[in-house]
Amino acid sequence: MKSAYQLAMERLEKQSPSQKLTDDQRSRIAEIDSLYKSKMAEKELLLKDQIQREQVAGKFSEVEKLQQQLSSELRRLAQECESKKEKVREGEPGVRGERREGNGGAGLTSRLHSLAGPH
């Protein structure tokens, strides 16, 4: 006898069959995931630092604005990531994560150093 879970999975499979991904699609999806995780982490680092500074300064209206901005930016990046991954799943050729221009991500490092200030 099948469990309720197995029956539900069979019904789901009949309604919308699962899609088999190629190795190339898997690697492109992993690349997109990695890129967007780094973009989200960068946004989070920068905005959380600004939030902390505004809290110390007692500018709580600015803190609220920055928290809303952070939430909005993270949501937008997550949606953008899912959209690109869906295009890969649908088989659109050439959909990859955007490459960072020039210095290969050194922009984050230099920005973090500038935020830290002099030692």
PDB file of N, CA and C in Angstrom:
ATOM      1  N   MET A   1       0.834  -1.180   0.000  1.00  0.00           N
ATOM      2  CA  MET A   1       0.000   0.000   0.000  1.00  0.00           C
ATOM      3  C   MET A   1       0.884   1.251   0.000  1.00  0.00           C
ATOM      4  N   LYS A   2       0.500   2.249  -0.801  1.00  0.00           N
ATOM      5  CA  LYS A   2       1.282   3.482  -0.938  1.00  0.00           C
ATOM      6  C   LYS A   2       0.872   4.485   0.130  1.00  0.00           C
ATOM      7  N   SER A   3       1.859   5.279   0.545  1.00  0.00           N
ATOM      8  CA  SER A   3       1.574   6.323   1.534  1.00  0.00           C
ATOM      9  C   SER A   3       0.882   7.503   0.839  1.00  0.00           C
ATOM     10  N   ALA A   4       0.310   8.371   1.631  1.00  0.00           N
ATOM     11  CA  ALA A   4      -0.348   9.571   1.097  1.00  0.00           C
ATOM     12  C   ALA A   4       0.665  10.423   0.343  1.00  0.00           C
ATOM     13  N   TYR A   5       1.884  10.470   0.845  1.00  0.00           N
ATOM     14  CA  TYR A   5       2.950  11.238   0.196  1.00  0.00           C
ATOM     15  C   TYR A   5       3.229  10.685  -1.202  1.00  0.00           C
ATOM     16  N   GLN A   6       3.364   9.356  -1.323  1.00  0.00           N
ATOM     17  CA  GLN A   6       3.647   8.740  -2.617  1.00  0.00           C
ATOM     18  C   GLN A   6       2.510   8.999  -3.600  1.00  0.00           C
ATOM     19  N   LEU A   7       1.272   8.903  -3.131  1.00  0.00           N
ATOM     20  CA  LEU A   7       0.122   9.174  -4.001  1.00  0.00           C
ATOM     21  C   LEU A   7       0.109  10.629  -4.461  1.00  0.00           C
ATOM     22  N   ALA A   8       0.400  11.530  -3.552  1.00  0.00           N
ATOM     23  CA  ALA A   8       0.433  12.948  -3.904  1.00  0.00           C
ATOM     24  C   ALA A   8       1.535  13.220  -4.924  1.00  0.00           C
ATOM     25  N   MET A   9       2.701  12.593  -4.750  1.00  0.00           N
ATOM     26  CA  MET A   9       3.797  12.783  -5.689  1.00  0.00           C
ATOM     27  C   MET A   9       3.451  12.234  -7.068  1.00  0.00           C
ATOM     28  N   GLU A  10       2.739  11.109  -7.112  1.00  0.00           N
ATOM     29  CA  GLU A  10       2.318  10.547  -8.401  1.00  0.00           C
ATOM     30  C   GLU A  10       1.343  11.482  -9.104  1.00  0.00           C
ATOM     31  N   ARG A  11       0.388  12.039  -8.363  1.00  0.00           N
ATOM     32  CA  ARG A  11      -0.570  12.982  -8.958  1.00  0.00           C
ATOM     33  C   ARG A  11       0.154  14.213  -9.482  1.00  0.00           C
ATOM     34  N   LEU A  12       1.083  14.722  -8.701  1.00  0.00           N
ATOM     35  CA  LEU A  12       1.841  15.893  -9.115  1.00  0.00           C
ATOM     36  C   LEU A  12       2.632  15.601 -10.385  1.00  0.00           C
ATOM     37  N   GLU A  13       3.244  14.444 -10.453  1.00  0.00           N
ATOM     38  CA  GLU A  13       4.029  14.049 -11.627  1.00  0.00           C
ATOM     39  C   GLU A  13       3.146  13.958 -12.872  1.00  0.00           C
ATOM     40  N   LYS A  14       1.906  13.501 -12.714  1.00  0.00           N
ATOM     41  CA  LYS A  14       0.983  13.413 -13.851  1.00  0.00           C
ATOM     42  C   LYS A  14       0.562  14.800 -14.316  1.00  0.00           C
ATOM     43  N   GLN A  15       0.332  15.710 -13.368  1.00  0.00           N
ATOM     44  CA  GLN A  15      -0.125  17.057 -13.712  1.00  0.00           C
ATOM     45  C   GLN A  15       0.973  17.866 -14.385  1.00  0.00           C
ATOM     46  N   SER A  16       2.166  17.798 -13.828  1.00  0.00           N
ATOM     47  CA  SER A  16       3.286  18.533 -14.418  1.00  0.00           C
ATOM     48  C   SER A  16       4.546  17.682 -14.269  1.00  0.00           C
ATOM     49  N   PRO A  17       4.846  16.922 -15.297  1.00  0.00           N
ATOM     50  CA  PRO A  17       5.999  16.016 -15.236  1.00  0.00           C
ATOM     51  C   PRO A  17       7.287  16.764 -14.920  1.00  0.00           C
ATOM     52  N   SER A  18       8.130  16.128 -14.121  1.00  0.00           N
ATOM     53  CA  SER A  18       9.398  16.767 -13.784  1.00  0.00           C
ATOM     54  C   SER A  18      10.291  16.799 -15.018  1.00  0.00           C
ATOM     55  N   GLN A  19      11.098  17.819 -15.059  1.00  0.00           N
ATOM     56  CA  GLN A  19      11.944  18.054 -16.219  1.00  0.00           C
ATOM     57  C   GLN A  19      13.362  17.593 -15.910  1.00  0.00           C
ATOM     58  N   LYS A  20      13.922  16.816 -16.803  1.00  0.00           N
ATOM     59  CA  LYS A  20      15.310  16.368 -16.636  1.00  0.00           C
ATOM     60  C   LYS A  20      16.234  17.448 -17.172  1.00  0.00           C
ATOM     61  N   LEU A  21      17.202  17.838 -16.353  1.00  0.00           N
ATOM     62  CA  LEU A  21      18.155  18.870 -16.758  1.00  0.00           C
ATOM     63  C   LEU A  21      19.435  18.237 -17.279  1.00  0.00           C
ATOM     64  N   THR A  22      20.018  18.894 -18.274  1.00  0.00           N
ATOM     65  CA  THR A  22      21.308  18.438 -18.790  1.00  0.00           C
ATOM     66  C   THR A  22      22.409  18.901 -17.836  1.00  0.00           C
ATOM     67  N   ASP A  23      23.592  18.345 -18.017  1.00  0.00           N
ATOM     68  CA  ASP A  23      24.728  18.767 -17.192  1.00  0.00           C
ATOM     69  C   ASP A  23      25.030  20.250 -17.403  1.00  0.00           C
ATOM     70  N   ASP A  24      24.908  20.702 -18.661  1.00  0.00           N
ATOM     71  CA  ASP A  24      25.153  22.112 -18.963  1.00  0.00           C
ATOM     72  C   ASP A  24      24.142  23.005 -18.240  1.00  0.00           C
ATOM     73  N   GLN A  25      22.871  22.592 -18.253  1.00  0.00           N
ATOM     74  CA  GLN A  25      21.847  23.379 -17.560  1.00  0.00           C
ATOM     75  C   GLN A  25      22.130  23.419 -16.059  1.00  0.00           C
ATOM     76  N   ARG A  26      22.509  22.292 -15.498  1.00  0.00           N
ATOM     77  CA  ARG A  26      22.826  22.257 -14.061  1.00  0.00           C
ATOM     78  C   ARG A  26      23.982  23.195 -13.737  1.00  0.00           C
ATOM     79  N   SER A  27      25.012  23.184 -14.575  1.00  0.00           N
ATOM     80  CA  SER A  27      26.169  24.044 -14.297  1.00  0.00           C
ATOM     81  C   SER A  27      25.803  25.520 -14.469  1.00  0.00           C
ATOM     82  N   ARG A  28      24.969  25.841 -15.462  1.00  0.00           N
ATOM     83  CA  ARG A  28      24.551  27.236 -15.643  1.00  0.00           C
ATOM     84  C   ARG A  28      23.690  27.704 -14.476  1.00  0.00           C
ATOM     85  N   ILE A  29      22.815  26.827 -13.996  1.00  0.00           N
ATOM     86  CA  ILE A  29      21.980  27.173 -12.838  1.00  0.00           C
ATOM     87  C   ILE A  29      22.855  27.379 -11.603  1.00  0.00           C
ATOM     88  N   ALA A  30      23.851  26.527 -11.413  1.00  0.00           N
ATOM     89  CA  ALA A  30      24.771  26.669 -10.275  1.00  0.00           C
ATOM     90  C   ALA A  30      25.553  27.985 -10.380  1.00  0.00           C
ATOM     91  N   GLU A  31      25.953  28.344 -11.593  1.00  0.00           N
ATOM     92  CA  GLU A  31      26.685  29.591 -11.814  1.00  0.00           C
ATOM     93  C   GLU A  31      25.807  30.796 -11.472  1.00  0.00           C
ATOM     94  N   ILE A  32      24.561  30.753 -11.922  1.00  0.00           N
ATOM     95  CA  ILE A  32      23.612  31.836 -11.639  1.00  0.00           C
ATOM     96  C   ILE A  32      23.372  31.933 -10.135  1.00  0.00           C
ATOM     97  N   ASP A  33      23.164  30.785  -9.490  1.00  0.00           N
ATOM     98  CA  ASP A  33      22.955  30.749  -8.042  1.00  0.00           C
ATOM     99  C   ASP A  33      24.133  31.387  -7.308  1.00  0.00           C
ATOM    100  N   SER A  34      25.318  30.994  -7.678  1.00  0.00           N
ATOM    101  CA  SER A  34      26.526  31.496  -7.031  1.00  0.00           C
ATOM    102  C   SER A  34      26.654  33.008  -7.207  1.00  0.00           C
ATOM    103  N   LEU A  35      26.428  33.481  -8.417  1.00  0.00           N
ATOM    104  CA  LEU A  35      26.531  34.902  -8.702  1.00  0.00           C
ATOM    105  C   LEU A  35      25.538  35.691  -7.862  1.00  0.00           C
ATOM    106  N   TYR A  36      24.295  35.244  -7.816  1.00  0.00           N
ATOM    107  CA  TYR A  36      23.271  35.991  -7.095  1.00  0.00           C
ATOM    108  C   TYR A  36      23.442  35.887  -5.584  1.00  0.00           C
ATOM    109  N   LYS A  37      23.972  34.781  -5.101  1.00  0.00           N
ATOM    110  CA  LYS A  37      24.278  34.700  -3.663  1.00  0.00           C
ATOM    111  C   LYS A  37      25.328  35.735  -3.306  1.00  0.00           C
ATOM    112  N   SER A  38      26.321  35.905  -4.172  1.00  0.00           N
ATOM    113  CA  SER A  38      27.363  36.896  -3.886  1.00  0.00           C
ATOM    114  C   SER A  38      26.809  38.317  -3.994  1.00  0.00           C
ATOM    115  N   LYS A  39      25.941  38.556  -4.973  1.00  0.00           N
ATOM    116  CA  LYS A  39      25.330  39.885  -5.103  1.00  0.00           C
ATOM    117  C   LYS A  39      24.495  40.210  -3.862  1.00  0.00           C
ATOM    118  N   MET A  40      23.745  39.214  -3.383  1.00  0.00           N
ATOM    119  CA  MET A  40      22.900  39.426  -2.207  1.00  0.00           C
ATOM    120  C   MET A  40      23.760  39.653  -0.964  1.00  0.00           C
ATOM    121  N   ALA A  41      24.831  38.910  -0.837  1.00  0.00           N
ATOM    122  CA  ALA A  41      25.723  39.079   0.312  1.00  0.00           C
ATOM    123  C   ALA A  41      26.368  40.467   0.287  1.00  0.00           C
ATOM    124  N   GLU A  42      26.748  40.914  -0.891  1.00  0.00           N
ATOM    125  CA  GLU A  42      27.351  42.237  -1.022  1.00  0.00           C
ATOM    126  C   GLU A  42      26.365  43.323  -0.598  1.00  0.00           C
ATOM    127  N   LYS A  43      25.134  43.252  -1.111  1.00  0.00           N
ATOM    128  CA  LYS A  43      24.100  44.226  -0.733  1.00  0.00           C
ATOM    129  C   LYS A  43      23.878  44.222   0.766  1.00  0.00           C
ATOM    130  N   GLU A  44      23.791  43.018   1.321  1.00  0.00           N
ATOM    131  CA  GLU A  44      23.532  42.874   2.744  1.00  0.00           C
ATOM    132  C   GLU A  44      24.662  43.496   3.570  1.00  0.00           C
ATOM    133  N   LEU A  45      25.896  43.223   3.188  1.00  0.00           N
ATOM    134  CA  LEU A  45      27.037  43.797   3.911  1.00  0.00           C
ATOM    135  C   LEU A  45      27.009  45.326   3.886  1.00  0.00           C
ATOM    136  N   LEU A  46      26.833  45.871   2.705  1.00  0.00           N
ATOM    137  CA  LEU A  46      26.874  47.319   2.562  1.00  0.00           C
ATOM    138  C   LEU A  46      25.724  47.994   3.299  1.00  0.00           C
ATOM    139  N   LEU A  47      24.517  47.484   3.121  1.00  0.00           N
ATOM    140  CA  LEU A  47      23.371  48.131   3.747  1.00  0.00           C
ATOM    141  C   LEU A  47      23.329  47.906   5.257  1.00  0.00           C
ATOM    142  N   LYS A  48      23.733  46.737   5.718  1.00  0.00           N
ATOM    143  CA  LYS A  48      23.748  46.507   7.169  1.00  0.00           C
ATOM    144  C   LYS A  48      24.767  47.415   7.849  1.00  0.00           C
ATOM    145  N   ASP A  49      25.878  47.682   7.178  1.00  0.00           N
ATOM    146  CA  ASP A  49      26.859  48.605   7.731  1.00  0.00           C
ATOM    147  C   ASP A  49      26.252  50.006   7.832  1.00  0.00           C
ATOM    148  N   GLN A  50      25.556  50.429   6.790  1.00  0.00           N
ATOM    149  CA  GLN A  50      24.903  51.744   6.814  1.00  0.00           C
ATOM    150  C   GLN A  50      23.833  51.791   7.907  1.00  0.00           C
ATOM    151  N   ILE A  51      23.079  50.711   8.043  1.00  0.00           N
ATOM    152  CA  ILE A  51      22.033  50.643   9.073  1.00  0.00           C
ATOM    153  C   ILE A  51      22.666  50.806  10.455  1.00  0.00           C
ATOM    154  N   GLN A  52      23.757  50.108  10.681  1.00  0.00           N
ATOM    155  CA  GLN A  52      24.434  50.176  11.975  1.00  0.00           C
ATOM    156  C   GLN A  52      24.920  51.595  12.266  1.00  0.00           C
ATOM    157  N   ARG A  53      25.479  52.247  11.252  1.00  0.00           N
ATOM    158  CA  ARG A  53      25.954  53.627  11.442  1.00  0.00           C
ATOM    159  C   ARG A  53      24.809  54.573  11.787  1.00  0.00           C
ATOM    160  N   GLU A  54      23.675  54.401  11.113  1.00  0.00           N
ATOM    161  CA  GLU A  54      22.524  55.272  11.373  1.00  0.00           C
ATOM    162  C   GLU A  54      21.935  55.003  12.759  1.00  0.00           C
ATOM    163  N   GLN A  55      21.970  53.748  13.202  1.00  0.00           N
ATOM    164  CA  GLN A  55      21.486  53.423  14.538  1.00  0.00           C
ATOM    165  C   GLN A  55      22.349  54.115  15.595  1.00  0.00           C
ATOM    166  N   VAL A  56      23.657  54.055  15.402  1.00  0.00           N
ATOM    167  CA  VAL A  56      24.581  54.696  16.341  1.00  0.00           C
ATOM    168  C   VAL A  56      24.342  56.204  16.367  1.00  0.00           C
ATOM    169  N   ALA A  57      24.040  56.769  15.199  1.00  0.00           N
ATOM    170  CA  ALA A  57      23.794  58.208  15.106  1.00  0.00           C
ATOM    171  C   ALA A  57      22.398  58.571  15.604  1.00  0.00           C
ATOM    172  N   GLY A  58      21.559  57.578  15.880  1.00  0.00           N
ATOM    173  CA  GLY A  58      20.208  57.840  16.379  1.00  0.00           C
ATOM    174  C   GLY A  58      19.218  58.263  15.309  1.00  0.00           C
ATOM    175  N   LYS A  59      19.533  57.992  14.060  1.00  0.00           N
ATOM    176  CA  LYS A  59      18.652  58.365  12.939  1.00  0.00           C
ATOM    177  C   LYS A  59      17.757  57.178  12.597  1.00  0.00           C
ATOM    178  N   PHE A  60      16.741  56.991  13.432  1.00  0.00           N
ATOM    179  CA  PHE A  60      15.915  55.789  13.303  1.00  0.00           C
ATOM    180  C   PHE A  60      15.003  55.802  12.079  1.00  0.00           C
ATOM    181  N   SER A  61      14.640  56.981  11.578  1.00  0.00           N
ATOM    182  CA  SER A  61      13.843  57.014  10.340  1.00  0.00           C
ATOM    183  C   SER A  61      14.692  56.537   9.163  1.00  0.00           C
ATOM    184  N   GLU A  62      15.994  56.900   9.188  1.00  0.00           N
ATOM    185  CA  GLU A  62      16.909  56.416   8.146  1.00  0.00           C
ATOM    186  C   GLU A  62      17.114  54.911   8.261  1.00  0.00           C
ATOM    187  N   VAL A  63      17.177  54.412   9.488  1.00  0.00           N
ATOM    188  CA  VAL A  63      17.344  52.979   9.720  1.00  0.00           C
ATOM    189  C   VAL A  63      16.187  52.233   9.083  1.00  0.00           C
ATOM    190  N   GLU A  64      14.978  52.725   9.300  1.00  0.00           N
ATOM    191  CA  GLU A  64      13.790  52.069   8.740  1.00  0.00           C
ATOM    192  C   GLU A  64      13.828  52.080   7.208  1.00  0.00           C
ATOM    193  N   LYS A  65      14.215  53.219   6.634  1.00  0.00           N
ATOM    194  CA  LYS A  65      14.314  53.317   5.164  1.00  0.00           C
ATOM    195  C   LYS A  65      15.343  52.328   4.624  1.00  0.00           C
ATOM    196  N   LEU A  66      16.498  52.252   5.291  1.00  0.00           N
ATOM    197  CA  LEU A  66      17.553  51.346   4.836  1.00  0.00           C
ATOM    198  C   LEU A  66      17.140  49.883   4.983  1.00  0.00           C
ATOM    199  N   GLN A  67      16.412  49.558   6.042  1.00  0.00           N
ATOM    200  CA  GLN A  67      15.934  48.185   6.219  1.00  0.00           C
ATOM    201  C   GLN A  67      14.935  47.822   5.123  1.00  0.00           C
ATOM    202  N   GLN A  68      14.069  48.770   4.770  1.00  0.00           N
ATOM    203  CA  GLN A  68      13.122  48.534   3.672  1.00  0.00           C
ATOM    204  C   GLN A  68      13.862  48.382   2.355  1.00  0.00           C
ATOM    205  N   GLN A  69      14.887  49.204   2.157  1.00  0.00           N
ATOM    206  CA  GLN A  69      15.691  49.115   0.935  1.00  0.00           C
ATOM    207  C   GLN A  69      16.383  47.759   0.857  1.00  0.00           C
ATOM    208  N   LEU A  70      16.941  47.299   1.965  1.00  0.00           N
ATOM    209  CA  LEU A  70      17.614  46.002   2.004  1.00  0.00           C
ATOM    210  C   LEU A  70      16.639  44.891   1.645  1.00  0.00           C
ATOM    211  N   SER A  71      15.483  44.915   2.266  1.00  0.00           N
ATOM    212  CA  SER A  71      14.467  43.897   1.995  1.00  0.00           C
ATOM    213  C   SER A  71      14.054  43.910   0.522  1.00  0.00           C
ATOM    214  N   SER A  72      13.847  45.094  -0.003  1.00  0.00           N
ATOM    215  CA  SER A  72      13.438  45.247  -1.400  1.00  0.00           C
ATOM    216  C   SER A  72      14.523  44.755  -2.356  1.00  0.00           C
ATOM    217  N   GLU A  73      15.757  45.127  -2.083  1.00  0.00           N
ATOM    218  CA  GLU A  73      16.875  44.717  -2.937  1.00  0.00           C
ATOM    219  C   GLU A  73      17.061  43.206  -2.918  1.00  0.00           C
ATOM    220  N   LEU A  74      16.988  42.597  -1.739  1.00  0.00           N
ATOM    221  CA  LEU A  74      17.159  41.147  -1.642  1.00  0.00           C
ATOM    222  C   LEU A  74      16.030  40.425  -2.374  1.00  0.00           C
ATOM    223  N   ARG A  75      14.817  40.924  -2.239  1.00  0.00           N
ATOM    224  CA  ARG A  75      13.676  40.320  -2.939  1.00  0.00           C
ATOM    225  C   ARG A  75      13.845  40.441  -4.458  1.00  0.00           C
ATOM    226  N   ARG A  76      14.276  41.627  -4.909  1.00  0.00           N
ATOM    227  CA  ARG A  76      14.473  41.846  -6.349  1.00  0.00           C
ATOM    228  C   ARG A  76      15.551  40.913  -6.892  1.00  0.00           C
ATOM    229  N   LEU A  77      16.657  40.791  -6.174  1.00  0.00           N
ATOM    230  CA  LEU A  77      17.741  39.911  -6.626  1.00  0.00           C
ATOM    231  C   LEU A  77      17.299  38.450  -6.638  1.00  0.00           C
ATOM    232  N   ALA A  78      16.529  38.037  -5.635  1.00  0.00           N
ATOM    233  CA  ALA A  78      16.044  36.655  -5.594  1.00  0.00           C
ATOM    234  C   ALA A  78      15.112  36.377  -6.775  1.00  0.00           C
ATOM    235  N   GLN A  79      14.239  37.333  -7.098  1.00  0.00           N
ATOM    236  CA  GLN A  79      13.335  37.168  -8.235  1.00  0.00           C
ATOM    237  C   GLN A  79      14.105  37.128  -9.550  1.00  0.00           C
ATOM    238  N   GLU A  80      15.094  37.999  -9.668  1.00  0.00           N
ATOM    239  CA  GLU A  80      15.926  38.034 -10.873  1.00  0.00           C
ATOM    240  C   GLU A  80      16.662  36.701 -11.051  1.00  0.00           C
ATOM    241  N   CYS A  81      17.175  36.175  -9.948  1.00  0.00           N
ATOM    242  CA  CYS A  81      17.890  34.896  -9.967  1.00  0.00           C
ATOM    243  C   CYS A  81      16.953  33.775 -10.427  1.00  0.00           C
ATOM    244  N   GLU A  82      15.789  33.701  -9.830  1.00  0.00           N
ATOM    245  CA  GLU A  82      14.827  32.651 -10.192  1.00  0.00           C
ATOM    246  C   GLU A  82      14.397  32.769 -11.649  1.00  0.00           C
ATOM    247  N   SER A  83      14.225  33.990 -12.126  1.00  0.00           N
ATOM    248  CA  SER A  83      13.842  34.216 -13.520  1.00  0.00           C
ATOM    249  C   SER A  83      14.912  33.685 -14.474  1.00  0.00           C
ATOM    250  N   LYS A  84      16.175  33.976 -14.169  1.00  0.00           N
ATOM    251  CA  LYS A  84      17.259  33.494 -15.027  1.00  0.00           C
ATOM    252  C   LYS A  84      17.373  31.973 -14.976  1.00  0.00           C
ATOM    253  N   LYS A  85      17.203  31.402 -13.787  1.00  0.00           N
ATOM    254  CA  LYS A  85      17.279  29.941 -13.675  1.00  0.00           C
ATOM    255  C   LYS A  85      16.123  29.289 -14.436  1.00  0.00           C
ATOM    256  N   GLU A  86      14.951  29.902 -14.399  1.00  0.00           N
ATOM    257  CA  GLU A  86      13.799  29.350 -15.125  1.00  0.00           C
ATOM    258  C   GLU A  86      14.049  29.378 -16.631  1.00  0.00           C
ATOM    259  N   LYS A  87      14.675  30.445 -17.111  1.00  0.00           N
ATOM    260  CA  LYS A  87      15.016  30.518 -18.538  1.00  0.00           C
ATOM    261  C   LYS A  87      15.961  29.393 -18.928  1.00  0.00           C
ATOM    262  N   VAL A  88      16.902  29.079 -18.059  1.00  0.00           N
ATOM    263  CA  VAL A  88      17.833  27.969 -18.326  1.00  0.00           C
ATOM    264  C   VAL A  88      17.049  26.660 -18.355  1.00  0.00           C
ATOM    265  N   ARG A  89      16.159  26.468 -17.388  1.00  0.00           N
ATOM    266  CA  ARG A  89      15.357  25.234 -17.336  1.00  0.00           C
ATOM    267  C   ARG A  89      14.506  25.074 -18.584  1.00  0.00           C
ATOM    268  N   GLU A  90      14.021  26.204 -19.119  1.00  0.00           N
ATOM    269  CA  GLU A  90      13.190  26.159 -20.329  1.00  0.00           C
ATOM    270  C   GLU A  90      14.015  25.959 -21.586  1.00  0.00           C
ATOM    271  N   GLY A  91      15.325  25.986 -21.419  1.00  0.00           N
ATOM    272  CA  GLY A  91      16.197  25.695 -22.550  1.00  0.00           C
ATOM    273  C   GLY A  91      16.622  26.883 -23.365  1.00  0.00           C
ATOM    274  N   GLU A  92      16.454  28.096 -22.848  1.00  0.00           N
ATOM    275  CA  GLU A  92      16.915  29.261 -23.600  1.00  0.00           C
ATOM    276  C   GLU A  92      18.435  29.231 -23.670  1.00  0.00           C
ATOM    277  N   PRO A  93      18.987  29.299 -24.869  1.00  0.00           N
ATOM    278  CA  PRO A  93      20.442  29.236 -25.003  1.00  0.00           C
ATOM    279  C   PRO A  93      21.112  30.509 -24.507  1.00  0.00           C
ATOM    280  N   GLY A  94      22.298  30.336 -23.961  1.00  0.00           N
ATOM    281  CA  GLY A  94      23.117  31.488 -23.607  1.00  0.00           C
ATOM    282  C   GLY A  94      22.762  32.203 -22.325  1.00  0.00           C
ATOM    283  N   VAL A  95      21.787  31.740 -21.562  1.00  0.00           N
ATOM    284  CA  VAL A  95      21.444  32.420 -20.319  1.00  0.00           C
ATOM    285  C   VAL A  95      22.447  32.006 -19.268  1.00  0.00           C
ATOM    286  N   ARG A  96      23.206  32.959 -18.807  1.00  0.00           N
ATOM    287  CA  ARG A  96      24.211  32.721 -17.763  1.00  0.00           C
ATOM    288  C   ARG A  96      24.149  33.887 -16.796  1.00  0.00           C
ATOM    289  N   GLY A  97      24.801  33.720 -15.684  1.00  0.00           N
ATOM    290  CA  GLY A  97      24.927  34.833 -14.750  1.00  0.00           C
ATOM    291  C   GLY A  97      25.762  35.913 -15.394  1.00  0.00           C
ATOM    292  N   GLU A  98      25.513  37.152 -15.009  1.00  0.00           N
ATOM    293  CA  GLU A  98      26.296  38.246 -15.562  1.00  0.00           C
ATOM    294  C   GLU A  98      27.683  38.194 -14.969  1.00  0.00           C
ATOM    295  N   ARG A  99      28.661  38.370 -15.806  1.00  0.00           N
ATOM    296  CA  ARG A  99      30.046  38.406 -15.339  1.00  0.00           C
ATOM    297  C   ARG A  99      30.317  39.790 -14.767  1.00  0.00           C
ATOM    298  N   ARG A 100      31.098  39.823 -13.726  1.00  0.00           N
ATOM    299  CA  ARG A 100      31.506  41.116 -13.183  1.00  0.00           C
ATOM    300  C   ARG A 100      32.539  41.717 -14.113  1.00  0.00           C
ATOM    301  N   GLU A 101      32.427  42.994 -14.320  1.00  0.00           N
ATOM    302  CA  GLU A 101      33.343  43.680 -15.223  1.00  0.00           C
ATOM    303  C   GLU A 101      34.686  43.914 -14.559  1.00  0.00           C
ATOM    304  N   GLY A 102      35.702  43.877 -15.372  1.00  0.00           N
ATOM    305  CA  GLY A 102      37.007  44.346 -14.953  1.00  0.00           C
ATOM    306  C   GLY A 102      37.707  43.552 -13.872  1.00  0.00           C
ATOM    307  N   ASN A 103      37.598  43.984 -12.646  1.00  0.00           N
ATOM    308  CA  ASN A 103      38.467  43.503 -11.585  1.00  0.00           C
ATOM    309  C   ASN A 103      37.998  42.235 -10.900  1.00  0.00           C
ATOM    310  N   GLY A 104      37.026  41.521 -11.416  1.00  0.00           N
ATOM    311  CA  GLY A 104      36.635  40.227 -10.887  1.00  0.00           C
ATOM    312  C   GLY A 104      36.162  40.246  -9.441  1.00  0.00           C
ATOM    313  N   GLY A 105      35.436  41.289  -9.057  1.00  0.00           N
ATOM    314  CA  GLY A 105      34.891  41.317  -7.714  1.00  0.00           C
ATOM    315  C   GLY A 105      35.732  42.107  -6.734  1.00  0.00           C
ATOM    316  N   ALA A 106      36.840  42.683  -7.198  1.00  0.00           N
ATOM    317  CA  ALA A 106      37.678  43.467  -6.295  1.00  0.00           C
ATOM    318  C   ALA A 106      36.955  44.716  -5.823  1.00  0.00           C
ATOM    319  N   GLY A 107      35.893  45.101  -6.513  1.00  0.00           N
ATOM    320  CA  GLY A 107      35.119  46.273  -6.110  1.00  0.00           C
ATOM    321  C   GLY A 107      34.568  46.123  -4.710  1.00  0.00           C
ATOM    322  N   LEU A 108      34.097  44.944  -4.358  1.00  0.00           N
ATOM    323  CA  LEU A 108      33.572  44.691  -3.021  1.00  0.00           C
ATOM    324  C   LEU A 108      34.678  44.851  -1.994  1.00  0.00           C
ATOM    325  N   THR A 109      35.834  44.278  -2.274  1.00  0.00           N
ATOM    326  CA  THR A 109      36.946  44.363  -1.332  1.00  0.00           C
ATOM    327  C   THR A 109      37.362  45.801  -1.102  1.00  0.00           C
ATOM    328  N   SER A 110      37.488  46.564  -2.176  1.00  0.00           N
ATOM    329  CA  SER A 110      37.906  47.953  -2.006  1.00  0.00           C
ATOM    330  C   SER A 110      36.833  48.753  -1.279  1.00  0.00           C
ATOM    331  N   ARG A 111      35.557  48.464  -1.537  1.00  0.00           N
ATOM    332  CA  ARG A 111      34.494  49.171  -0.824  1.00  0.00           C
ATOM    333  C   ARG A 111      34.494  48.825   0.653  1.00  0.00           C
ATOM    334  N   LEU A 112      34.751  47.554   0.968  1.00  0.00           N
ATOM    335  CA  LEU A 112      34.795  47.153   2.371  1.00  0.00           C
ATOM    336  C   LEU A 112      35.954  47.830   3.089  1.00  0.00           C
ATOM    337  N   HIS A 113      37.100  47.931   2.402  1.00  0.00           N
ATOM    338  CA  HIS A 113      38.244  48.603   3.002  1.00  0.00           C
ATOM    339  C   HIS A 113      37.958  50.076   3.215  1.00  0.00           C
ATOM    340  N   SER A 114      37.253  50.709   2.277  1.00  0.00           N
ATOM    341  CA  SER A 114      36.938  52.115   2.444  1.00  0.00           C
ATOM    342  C   SER A 114      35.944  52.325   3.584  1.00  0.00           C
ATOM    343  N   LEU A 115      35.053  51.368   3.788  1.00  0.00           N
ATOM    344  CA  LEU A 115      34.101  51.460   4.895  1.00  0.00           C
ATOM    345  C   LEU A 115      34.800  51.300   6.240  1.00  0.00           C
ATOM    346  N   ALA A 116      35.826  50.453   6.265  1.00  0.00           N
ATOM    347  CA  ALA A 116      36.535  50.197   7.517  1.00  0.00           C
ATOM    348  C   ALA A 116      37.323  51.423   7.965  1.00  0.00           C
ATOM    349  N   GLY A 117      37.711  52.258   7.029  1.00  0.00           N
ATOM    350  CA  GLY A 117      38.454  53.467   7.374  1.00  0.00           C
ATOM    351  C   GLY A 117      39.901  53.174   7.706  1.00  0.00           C
ATOM    352  N   PRO A 118      40.620  54.181   8.177  1.00  0.00           N
ATOM    353  CA  PRO A 118      42.047  53.994   8.482  1.00  0.00           C
ATOM    354  C   PRO A 118      42.238  53.122   9.718  1.00  0.00           C
ATOM    355  N   HIS A 119      43.327  52.390   9.726  1.00  0.00           N
ATOM    356  CA  HIS A 119      43.616  51.474  10.841  1.00  0.00           C
ATOM    357  C   HIS A 119      44.406  52.145  11.906  1.00  0.00           C
TER     358      HIS A 119
END
